[in-house]
């Protein structure tokens, strides 16, 4: 087994955990239908940014 060392930007893991925690808090009390609508809204919000790339 080969082990590779991964370099991360300082604070990146902390930022990713903050995003995860925020999403968990928002999704905690949602029904499956509400979660589906939430993720659909997130996808639609991202589409205009990706078209310019």
Protein backbone atom coordinates (compact mmCIF):
# COMPACT_ATOMS: atom_id res chain seq x y z
CA UNK A 1 0.00 0.00 0.00
CA UNK A 2 1.37 3.37 -1.02
CA UNK A 3 0.75 6.27 1.30
CA UNK A 4 0.78 9.73 -0.19
CA UNK A 5 0.95 12.94 1.72
CA UNK A 6 -1.78 15.42 0.83
CA UNK A 7 -1.05 19.10 1.22
CA UNK A 8 -4.03 21.27 2.04
CA UNK A 9 -4.48 24.98 2.04
CA UNK A 10 -4.35 26.32 5.58
CA UNK A 11 -7.87 26.45 6.94
CA UNK A 12 -9.46 24.55 4.04
CA UNK A 13 -10.61 21.66 6.19
CA UNK A 14 -12.02 24.09 8.72
CA UNK A 15 -13.97 25.89 5.97
CA UNK A 16 -15.31 22.62 4.54
CA UNK A 17 -16.47 21.52 7.98
CA UNK A 18 -18.22 24.86 8.49
CA UNK A 19 -20.10 24.42 5.19
CA UNK A 20 -21.04 20.86 6.13
CA UNK A 21 -22.28 21.94 9.56
CA UNK A 22 -24.32 24.78 8.05
CA UNK A 23 -25.99 22.43 5.56
CA UNK A 24 -26.69 19.86 8.29
CA UNK A 25 -28.35 22.53 10.41
CA UNK A 26 -30.49 23.71 7.48
CA UNK A 27 -31.52 20.17 6.48
CA UNK A 28 -32.05 18.80 9.98
CA UNK A 29 -35.82 19.27 10.23
CA UNK A 30 -36.75 19.10 6.54
CA UNK A 31 -38.87 16.41 4.94
CA UNK A 32 -37.55 14.55 1.89
CA UNK A 33 -39.66 16.75 -0.40
CA UNK A 34 -38.24 19.90 1.19
CA UNK A 35 -34.69 18.54 0.83
CA UNK A 36 -35.29 17.79 -2.84
CA UNK A 37 -36.53 21.35 -3.39
CA UNK A 38 -33.55 22.73 -1.42
CA UNK A 39 -31.00 20.87 -3.55
CA UNK A 40 -32.83 21.76 -6.76
CA UNK A 41 -32.67 25.43 -5.75
CA UNK A 42 -28.94 25.08 -5.02
CA UNK A 43 -28.33 23.51 -8.45
CA UNK A 44 -30.26 26.28 -10.22
CA UNK A 45 -28.31 28.88 -8.27
CA UNK A 46 -25.00 27.36 -9.44
CA UNK A 47 -25.88 26.99 -13.15
CA UNK A 48 -25.35 30.63 -14.24
CA UNK A 49 -21.85 30.64 -12.69
CA UNK A 50 -20.85 27.43 -14.49
CA UNK A 51 -22.01 28.62 -17.92
CA UNK A 52 -19.39 31.36 -18.02
CA UNK A 53 -16.54 28.95 -17.19
